[in-house]
């Protein structure tokens, strides 16, 4: 149910309430979609489909806490959050952690935060921050990621949390590679380095010379089920032995993305592109198009065809598709991988923000951080000692130096 709480000093007399019931979550859909359309800075990861489906598949054992800001009965801001419990100090201390809907499962969004009417954003961010500090006292630790650097929400949270005397940590997250797209594929190619342009052209020509070579874009619901299964298979083939848990390996991940793709397809936002050879799909890219931005989310290819560079070739086709469909940004999303920089060199970083209320939970996390710092320092010291020891042995008489 919704629990209203009016803050006496809230700017513009904004009223903040907390939605903690799934039925009330569903009632927010019209206001959610309206805010989404009016908030120019909103991301695909804050869309109604992504947020509601994430909660459906990952919300078990978590408590819903969506902050809603209203001005004269109109919803002017939404901040989707939840509470979960974490144990510290050998299980003796239970920390109530407040997090964003979308993080904490095995599928990772990039750009989170809230949805706001532009004319009320600053006031709503301040009001929500104060509400979390002063009135919603059910959390011990605030653990947020993927906040846009310099956004009104990030600034309001950092300022209000520090002013209230809470311990705050605000650090950049891992880099996100992206590129601004020109008006044509030819212009994009001209902007590449000569070497990269020649390499990409040679790989594409080699592939296109093969019998039955081409691409296929999923455009109907009847194509989606088979394409989803093939993407999952190709992703597992690509990452088998390279990571402990590749994507599509849990029921939650598969269920979430299967339903999400259906919604994206209905809204014209799904970009599921396959590389075809002789009637067989040998590589796939799973992307989403939202407000002039192509978001590259997942991919996979069959290593048996590695000689044809299917990953690079298909990425080139995806960039060309995005350009032809009028996208202004190609967003590679999180992960500082070298192959991404073959296509784009710009990068940005979001913020990770953590705050702790004073007490046992804060003390437990301080101790954990101190022990981790000591462990890392000792590891670095042993590594340096080993390097110096190896360097001291004359050439031809190297020996194993153990820490």
Protein backbone atom coordinates (compact mmCIF):
# COMPACT_ATOMS: atom_id res chain seq x y z
CA UNK A 1 0.00 0.00 0.00
CA UNK A 2 1.04 3.65 -0.33
CA UNK A 3 2.13 5.44 2.83
CA UNK A 4 1.94 9.24 2.43
CA UNK A 5 4.25 11.60 4.24
CA UNK A 6 4.24 15.35 3.70
CA UNK A 7 7.49 17.15 4.47
CA UNK A 8 7.10 20.53 6.06
CA UNK A 9 10.09 22.03 4.30
CA UNK A 10 9.73 20.21 0.96
CA UNK A 11 10.18 22.60 -1.97
CA UNK A 12 6.92 23.52 -3.72
CA UNK A 13 5.01 21.58 -1.02
CA UNK A 14 5.72 18.29 -2.75
CA UNK A 15 4.11 15.25 -1.19
CA UNK A 16 6.26 12.11 -1.01
CA UNK A 17 4.75 8.65 -0.61
CA UNK A 18 6.09 5.11 -0.66
CA UNK A 19 4.54 2.35 -2.80
CA UNK A 20 5.25 -1.02 -1.20
CA UNK A 21 2.49 -3.18 -2.71
CA UNK A 22 2.60 -4.79 -6.15
CA UNK A 23 -1.03 -3.83 -6.87
CA UNK A 24 -0.16 -0.17 -6.26
CA UNK A 25 2.95 -0.62 -8.41
CA UNK A 26 0.69 -1.65 -11.29
CA UNK A 27 -1.56 1.38 -10.74
CA UNK A 28 1.46 3.61 -11.40
CA UNK A 29 1.77 2.48 -15.03
CA UNK A 30 -0.06 5.44 -16.69
CA UNK A 31 1.89 8.02 -14.66
CA UNK A 32 5.11 6.07 -15.20
CA UNK A 33 4.71 5.99 -18.97
CA UNK A 34 3.76 9.69 -19.01
CA UNK A 35 6.86 10.70 -17.03
CA UNK A 36 8.99 8.44 -19.19
CA UNK A 37 7.85 10.24 -22.33
CA UNK A 38 8.46 13.70 -20.82
CA UNK A 39 11.82 13.03 -19.15
CA UNK A 40 14.40 13.59 -21.91
CA UNK A 41 17.16 12.01 -19.78
CA UNK A 42 15.32 8.76 -19.01
CA UNK A 43 16.94 5.50 -20.12
CA UNK A 44 15.55 2.23 -21.43
CA UNK A 45 16.42 0.74 -18.03
CA UNK A 46 13.92 3.04 -16.31
CA UNK A 47 11.12 2.14 -18.71
CA UNK A 48 7.94 0.59 -17.35
CA UNK A 49 8.60 -2.77 -19.03
CA UNK A 50 12.14 -3.12 -17.74
CA UNK A 51 11.32 -2.09 -14.16
CA UNK A 52 8.07 -4.01 -13.77
CA UNK A 53 9.42 -7.20 -15.35
CA UNK A 54 12.59 -7.02 -13.28
CA UNK A 55 10.48 -6.92 -10.14
CA UNK A 56 8.38 -9.85 -11.38
CA UNK A 57 11.43 -12.05 -11.95
CA UNK A 58 13.86 -10.77 -9.31
CA UNK A 59 11.70 -9.24 -6.57
CA UNK A 60 11.36 -12.36 -4.44
CA UNK A 61 12.61 -11.87 -0.84
CA UNK A 62 12.89 -8.13 -1.44
CA UNK A 63 10.62 -5.37 -0.21
CA UNK A 64 9.23 -2.86 -2.69
CA UNK A 65 9.86 0.83 -1.88
CA UNK A 66 8.98 3.12 -4.82
CA UNK A 67 9.13 6.81 -3.91
CA UNK A 68 6.44 8.92 -5.56
CA UNK A 69 6.52 12.73 -5.62
CA UNK A 70 3.24 14.58 -6.20
CA UNK A 71 2.49 18.23 -6.70
CA UNK A 72 -1.19 19.17 -6.51
CA UNK A 73 -2.18 15.48 -6.97
CA UNK A 74 -0.07 15.08 -10.10
CA UNK A 75 2.81 12.59 -10.10
CA UNK A 76 5.94 14.61 -10.90
CA UNK A 77 8.65 12.14 -9.88
CA UNK A 78 9.29 8.41 -9.38
CA UNK A 79 12.26 6.73 -7.72
CA UNK A 80 12.06 2.90 -7.95
CA UNK A 81 13.75 1.26 -4.95
CA UNK A 82 13.62 -1.84 -2.80
CA UNK A 83 14.94 -3.07 0.56
CA UNK A 84 16.87 -6.27 1.15
CA UNK A 85 18.74 -7.72 4.12
CA UNK A 86 22.45 -8.49 4.21
CA UNK A 87 24.36 -10.11 7.08
CA UNK A 88 27.68 -8.83 8.40
CA UNK A 89 30.09 -9.75 11.24
CA UNK A 90 29.61 -13.46 10.74
CA UNK A 91 25.85 -13.09 10.53
CA UNK A 92 25.53 -11.29 13.85
CA UNK A 93 24.53 -7.97 12.27
CA UNK A 94 21.70 -7.62 9.75
CA UNK A 95 22.01 -4.65 7.40
CA UNK A 96 18.89 -3.25 5.74
CA UNK A 97 20.16 -2.18 2.33
CA UNK A 98 18.18 0.22 0.11
CA UNK A 99 18.84 -0.38 -3.60
CA UNK A 100 17.46 0.49 -7.02
CA UNK A 101 15.06 -1.76 -8.90
CA UNK A 102 17.11 -3.32 -11.67
CA UNK A 103 20.31 -4.06 -9.72
CA UNK A 104 21.08 -7.04 -7.55
CA UNK A 105 20.12 -9.78 -10.01
CA UNK A 106 22.17 -11.40 -12.76
CA UNK A 107 21.16 -8.91 -15.46
CA UNK A 108 22.74 -5.50 -15.22
CA UNK A 109 21.29 -2.15 -16.32
CA UNK A 110 23.49 0.88 -16.95
CA UNK A 111 21.63 4.14 -16.45
CA UNK A 112 19.33 4.33 -13.43
CA UNK A 113 18.05 7.06 -11.15
CA UNK A 114 14.50 8.40 -11.31
CA UNK A 115 11.85 9.77 -13.66
CA UNK A 116 10.84 13.43 -13.29
CA UNK A 117 8.88 16.18 -14.95
CA UNK A 118 11.63 18.61 -15.97
CA UNK A 119 10.07 21.63 -14.25
CA UNK A 120 9.87 19.73 -10.92
CA UNK A 121 13.06 17.66 -11.10
CA UNK A 122 15.29 19.72 -8.81
CA UNK A 123 12.62 20.15 -6.14
CA UNK A 124 11.58 16.50 -6.28
CA UNK A 125 15.17 15.26 -5.96
CA UNK A 126 15.77 17.39 -2.86
CA UNK A 127 12.43 16.39 -1.33
CA UNK A 128 13.06 12.69 -1.95
CA UNK A 129 16.57 12.87 -0.49
CA UNK A 130 15.31 14.58 2.66
CA UNK A 131 12.45 12.12 2.94
CA UNK A 132 14.84 9.17 2.79
CA UNK A 133 17.05 10.70 5.47
CA UNK A 134 14.48 12.09 7.87
CA UNK A 135 11.28 10.11 7.50
CA UNK A 136 11.93 6.78 5.80
CA UNK A 137 14.23 5.34 8.45
CA UNK A 138 13.93 1.68 7.49
CA UNK A 139 17.37 1.43 5.90
CA UNK A 140 20.86 1.23 7.35
CA UNK A 141 22.79 1.43 4.11
CA UNK A 142 21.97 3.11 0.81
CA UNK A 143 23.72 1.26 -2.03
CA UNK A 144 23.08 2.84 -5.44
CA UNK A 145 24.83 2.53 -8.78
CA UNK A 146 24.61 3.88 -12.31
CA UNK A 147 23.59 7.42 -11.36
CA UNK A 148 24.31 9.99 -14.05
CA UNK A 149 27.26 12.12 -12.97
CA UNK A 150 26.16 15.69 -12.27
CA UNK A 151 22.45 14.86 -12.42
CA UNK A 152 20.08 16.72 -10.04
CA UNK A 153 19.41 13.43 -8.22
CA UNK A 154 23.09 12.63 -7.69
CA UNK A 155 23.82 16.18 -6.51
CA UNK A 156 20.82 16.30 -4.16
CA UNK A 157 21.59 12.93 -2.60
CA UNK A 158 25.26 13.71 -2.06
CA UNK A 159 24.57 17.14 -0.58
CA UNK A 160 21.66 16.13 1.67
CA UNK A 161 23.28 12.93 2.94
CA UNK A 162 26.49 14.75 3.89
CA UNK A 163 24.59 17.63 5.46
CA UNK A 164 22.76 15.10 7.66
CA UNK A 165 26.10 13.74 8.92
CA UNK A 166 25.92 10.36 7.21
CA UNK A 167 29.04 8.63 5.94
CA UNK A 168 28.98 8.91 2.15
CA UNK A 169 31.07 7.37 -0.60
CA UNK A 170 30.63 8.55 -4.19
CA UNK A 171 32.94 7.06 -6.83
CA UNK A 172 32.88 6.63 -10.63
CA UNK A 173 31.61 3.32 -12.00
CA UNK A 174 33.37 1.38 -14.77
CA UNK A 175 33.67 3.15 -18.13
CA UNK A 176 30.92 2.99 -20.73
CA UNK A 177 32.04 3.13 -24.38
CA UNK A 178 29.80 4.98 -26.84
CA UNK A 179 29.90 6.92 -30.08
CA UNK A 180 27.98 9.71 -31.81
CA UNK A 181 26.63 8.54 -35.13
CA UNK A 182 26.91 10.55 -38.35
CA UNK A 183 24.21 10.77 -41.00
CA UNK A 184 25.42 7.89 -43.16
CA UNK A 185 27.43 4.66 -43.08
CA UNK A 186 29.89 6.06 -45.59
CA UNK A 187 30.57 9.05 -43.34
CA UNK A 188 31.04 6.73 -40.36
CA UNK A 189 33.62 4.73 -42.32
CA UNK A 190 35.45 7.89 -43.41
CA UNK A 191 35.78 8.91 -39.77
CA UNK A 192 37.55 5.66 -38.87
CA UNK A 193 41.31 5.29 -38.98
CA UNK A 194 42.59 4.07 -42.31
CA UNK A 195 43.80 0.79 -40.84
CA UNK A 196 40.55 0.07 -39.04
CA UNK A 197 38.50 0.98 -42.11
CA UNK A 198 40.51 -1.41 -44.27
CA UNK A 199 40.33 -4.23 -41.73
CA UNK A 200 36.56 -3.91 -41.30
CA UNK A 201 36.03 -3.67 -45.07
CA UNK A 202 38.17 -6.74 -45.73
CA UNK A 203 36.30 -8.80 -43.12
CA UNK A 204 32.92 -7.78 -44.52
CA UNK A 205 33.91 -8.54 -48.11
CA UNK A 206 35.26 -11.95 -47.09
CA UNK A 207 31.99 -12.79 -45.36
CA UNK A 208 29.73 -11.47 -48.12
CA UNK A 209 31.58 -13.58 -50.71
CA UNK A 210 30.39 -16.78 -48.97
CA UNK A 211 27.28 -18.61 -50.30
CA UNK A 212 24.14 -17.69 -48.37
CA UNK A 213 25.77 -14.83 -46.43
CA UNK A 214 23.49 -12.09 -45.07
CA UNK A 215 21.74 -10.61 -42.04
CA UNK A 216 18.27 -11.06 -40.58
CA UNK A 217 16.40 -8.72 -38.21
CA UNK A 218 13.64 -10.17 -36.02
CA UNK A 219 10.50 -8.21 -36.84
CA UNK A 220 7.57 -10.48 -35.92
CA UNK A 221 6.44 -12.36 -32.83
CA UNK A 222 6.51 -15.67 -34.69
CA UNK A 223 10.28 -15.25 -35.23
CA UNK A 224 11.08 -14.29 -31.67
CA UNK A 225 10.90 -17.59 -29.79
CA UNK A 226 13.38 -19.38 -32.04
CA UNK A 227 15.65 -16.34 -32.22
CA UNK A 228 15.73 -16.06 -28.42
CA UNK A 229 16.82 -19.68 -28.04
CA UNK A 230 19.49 -19.30 -30.73
CA UNK A 231 20.85 -16.16 -29.06
CA UNK A 232 21.08 -17.99 -25.73
CA UNK A 233 22.87 -20.89 -27.41
CA UNK A 234 25.33 -18.64 -29.26
CA UNK A 235 26.09 -16.68 -26.10
CA UNK A 236 26.88 -19.89 -24.22
CA UNK A 237 29.08 -21.10 -27.07
CA UNK A 238 30.97 -17.80 -27.13
CA UNK A 239 31.59 -17.64 -23.39
CA UNK A 240 31.92 -21.31 -22.47
CA UNK A 241 35.03 -21.69 -20.32
CA UNK A 242 35.61 -17.92 -20.26
CA UNK A 243 33.28 -16.98 -17.41
CA UNK A 244 31.75 -18.84 -14.50
CA UNK A 245 28.20 -17.71 -15.22
CA UNK A 246 27.38 -16.52 -18.74
CA UNK A 247 24.11 -14.81 -19.53
CA UNK A 248 20.94 -16.88 -20.05
CA UNK A 249 22.12 -19.40 -17.43
CA UNK A 250 19.38 -18.86 -14.81
CA UNK A 251 15.58 -19.16 -15.01
CA UNK A 252 15.26 -15.53 -13.86
CA UNK A 253 17.52 -14.19 -16.61
CA UNK A 254 15.82 -16.21 -19.33
CA UNK A 255 12.31 -15.42 -18.12
CA UNK A 256 13.02 -11.72 -17.74
CA UNK A 257 14.60 -11.24 -21.17
CA UNK A 258 12.09 -13.43 -22.98
CA UNK A 259 9.24 -11.23 -21.72
CA UNK A 260 11.23 -8.03 -22.13
CA UNK A 261 11.95 -8.81 -25.79
CA UNK A 262 8.26 -9.40 -26.43
CA UNK A 263 7.44 -5.97 -25.00
CA UNK A 264 10.28 -4.28 -26.89
CA UNK A 265 9.16 -5.88 -30.13
CA UNK A 266 5.59 -4.65 -29.66
CA UNK A 267 6.87 -1.11 -29.06
CA UNK A 268 9.25 -1.18 -32.03
CA UNK A 269 12.33 -1.00 -29.75
CA UNK A 270 13.85 -4.48 -30.15
CA UNK A 271 16.94 -4.83 -32.33
CA UNK A 272 17.68 -8.56 -32.53
CA UNK A 273 20.04 -8.93 -35.47
CA UNK A 274 21.49 -12.19 -36.77
CA UNK A 275 24.38 -13.01 -39.08
CA UNK A 276 23.25 -15.73 -41.53
CA UNK A 277 25.39 -18.19 -43.45
CA UNK A 278 23.91 -20.95 -45.58
CA UNK A 279 20.57 -20.77 -43.79
CA UNK A 280 22.15 -20.93 -40.31
CA UNK A 281 22.48 -18.13 -37.77
CA UNK A 282 26.14 -17.98 -36.72
CA UNK A 283 26.09 -14.78 -34.63
CA UNK A 284 23.51 -12.51 -33.00
CA UNK A 285 23.33 -9.08 -31.37
CA UNK A 286 20.61 -8.15 -28.89
CA UNK A 287 20.08 -4.41 -28.80
CA UNK A 288 17.41 -1.89 -27.86
CA UNK A 289 16.55 1.38 -29.53
CA UNK A 290 15.28 4.17 -27.29
CA UNK A 291 15.05 7.92 -27.84
CA UNK A 292 17.62 8.02 -30.63
CA UNK A 293 20.02 5.68 -28.83
CA UNK A 294 20.99 2.15 -29.89
CA UNK A 295 21.92 0.18 -26.75
CA UNK A 296 24.06 -2.90 -27.40
CA UNK A 297 23.11 -5.28 -24.60
CA UNK A 298 24.15 -8.84 -25.41
CA UNK A 299 25.67 -10.97 -28.18
CA UNK A 300 27.04 -14.34 -29.10
CA UNK A 301 28.60 -16.25 -31.97
CA UNK A 302 29.57 -19.78 -32.90
CA UNK A 303 33.36 -20.18 -32.46
CA UNK A 304 33.32 -22.76 -35.28
CA UNK A 305 33.02 -19.78 -37.66
CA UNK A 306 35.66 -17.64 -35.97
CA UNK A 307 37.72 -17.52 -39.17
CA UNK A 308 35.07 -15.23 -40.65
CA UNK A 309 35.24 -12.74 -37.72
CA UNK A 310 31.46 -12.96 -37.09
CA UNK A 311 31.57 -10.67 -34.05
CA UNK A 312 33.26 -7.77 -35.85
CA UNK A 313 31.25 -8.25 -39.04
CA UNK A 314 27.92 -8.30 -37.23
CA UNK A 315 28.82 -5.29 -35.09
CA UNK A 316 29.51 -3.35 -38.27
CA UNK A 317 26.08 -4.27 -39.61
CA UNK A 318 24.50 -3.21 -36.27
CA UNK A 319 26.17 0.20 -36.46
CA UNK A 320 24.98 0.59 -40.06
CA UNK A 321 21.44 -0.39 -39.01
CA UNK A 322 21.45 2.17 -36.20
CA UNK A 323 22.60 4.91 -38.59
CA UNK A 324 19.97 3.99 -41.19
CA UNK A 325 17.25 4.11 -38.54
CA UNK A 326 18.21 7.60 -37.45
CA UNK A 327 19.96 6.90 -34.16
CA UNK A 328 22.25 9.62 -32.82
CA UNK A 329 24.16 7.52 -30.25
CA UNK A 330 25.49 3.96 -30.32
CA UNK A 331 25.86 2.94 -26.67
CA UNK A 332 28.08 -0.06 -25.96
CA UNK A 333 27.04 -0.05 -22.28
CA UNK A 334 29.24 -1.17 -19.39
CA UNK A 335 32.37 -3.24 -19.78
CA UNK A 336 35.75 -1.88 -20.84
CA UNK A 337 36.37 -4.39 -23.65
CA UNK A 338 38.89 -3.75 -26.41
CA UNK A 339 36.56 -4.87 -29.22
CA UNK A 340 34.20 -1.99 -28.35
CA UNK A 341 36.94 0.53 -29.01
CA UNK A 342 37.36 -0.90 -32.51
CA UNK A 343 34.10 0.90 -33.31
CA UNK A 344 33.90 3.85 -30.88
CA UNK A 345 36.34 5.70 -28.65
CA UNK A 346 34.18 8.02 -26.53
CA UNK A 347 33.55 7.00 -22.94
CA UNK A 348 31.53 8.16 -19.96
CA UNK A 349 31.18 7.12 -16.33
CA UNK A 350 28.23 7.02 -13.99
CA UNK A 351 28.44 7.18 -10.21
CA UNK A 352 28.20 4.60 -7.45
CA UNK A 353 26.86 6.15 -4.27
CA UNK A 354 26.80 4.54 -0.83
CA UNK A 355 25.68 6.04 2.46
CA UNK A 356 25.56 4.60 5.98
CA UNK A 357 23.51 5.61 8.97
CA UNK A 358 25.63 5.74 12.12
CA UNK A 359 25.50 2.58 14.23
CA UNK A 360 26.48 -1.08 14.25
CA UNK A 361 25.96 -1.59 10.53
CA UNK A 362 28.24 1.33 9.69
CA UNK A 363 30.86 -0.01 12.12
CA UNK A 364 30.65 -3.49 10.55
CA UNK A 365 31.14 -2.11 7.05
CA UNK A 366 34.02 0.11 8.23
CA UNK A 367 35.72 -2.96 9.69
CA UNK A 368 35.12 -4.93 6.49
CA UNK A 369 36.60 -2.11 4.38
CA UNK A 370 39.62 -1.81 6.68
CA UNK A 371 40.32 -5.55 6.55
CA UNK A 372 39.99 -5.54 2.78
CA UNK A 373 42.44 -2.63 2.55
CA UNK A 374 44.96 -4.49 4.73
CA UNK A 375 44.54 -7.69 2.69
CA UNK A 376 45.07 -5.83 -0.59
CA UNK A 377 48.11 -4.00 0.81
CA UNK A 378 49.69 -7.26 1.99
CA UNK A 379 49.03 -8.87 -1.38
CA UNK A 380 50.67 -5.94 -3.19
CA UNK A 381 53.64 -6.06 -0.83
CA UNK A 382 54.17 -9.79 -1.41
CA UNK A 383 53.88 -9.25 -5.16
CA UNK A 384 56.49 -6.45 -5.09
CA UNK A 385 58.84 -8.51 -2.90
CA UNK A 386 58.55 -11.44 -5.29
CA UNK A 387 59.32 -9.20 -8.26
CA UNK A 388 62.38 -7.72 -6.56
CA UNK A 389 63.58 -11.19 -5.55
CA UNK A 390 63.27 -12.48 -9.10
CA UNK A 391 65.12 -9.45 -10.45
CA UNK A 392 68.00 -10.04 -8.02
CA UNK A 393 68.77 -13.52 -9.43
CA UNK A 394 71.42 -13.34 -12.21
CA UNK A 395 70.30 -14.19 -15.75
CA UNK A 396 70.35 -17.93 -16.37
CA UNK A 397 69.87 -18.68 -12.66
CA UNK A 398 66.23 -17.75 -12.16
CA UNK A 399 64.50 -19.47 -9.28
CA UNK A 400 60.94 -19.66 -8.04
CA UNK A 401 60.32 -17.03 -5.37
CA UNK A 402 57.38 -17.87 -3.11
CA UNK A 403 55.65 -15.32 -0.93
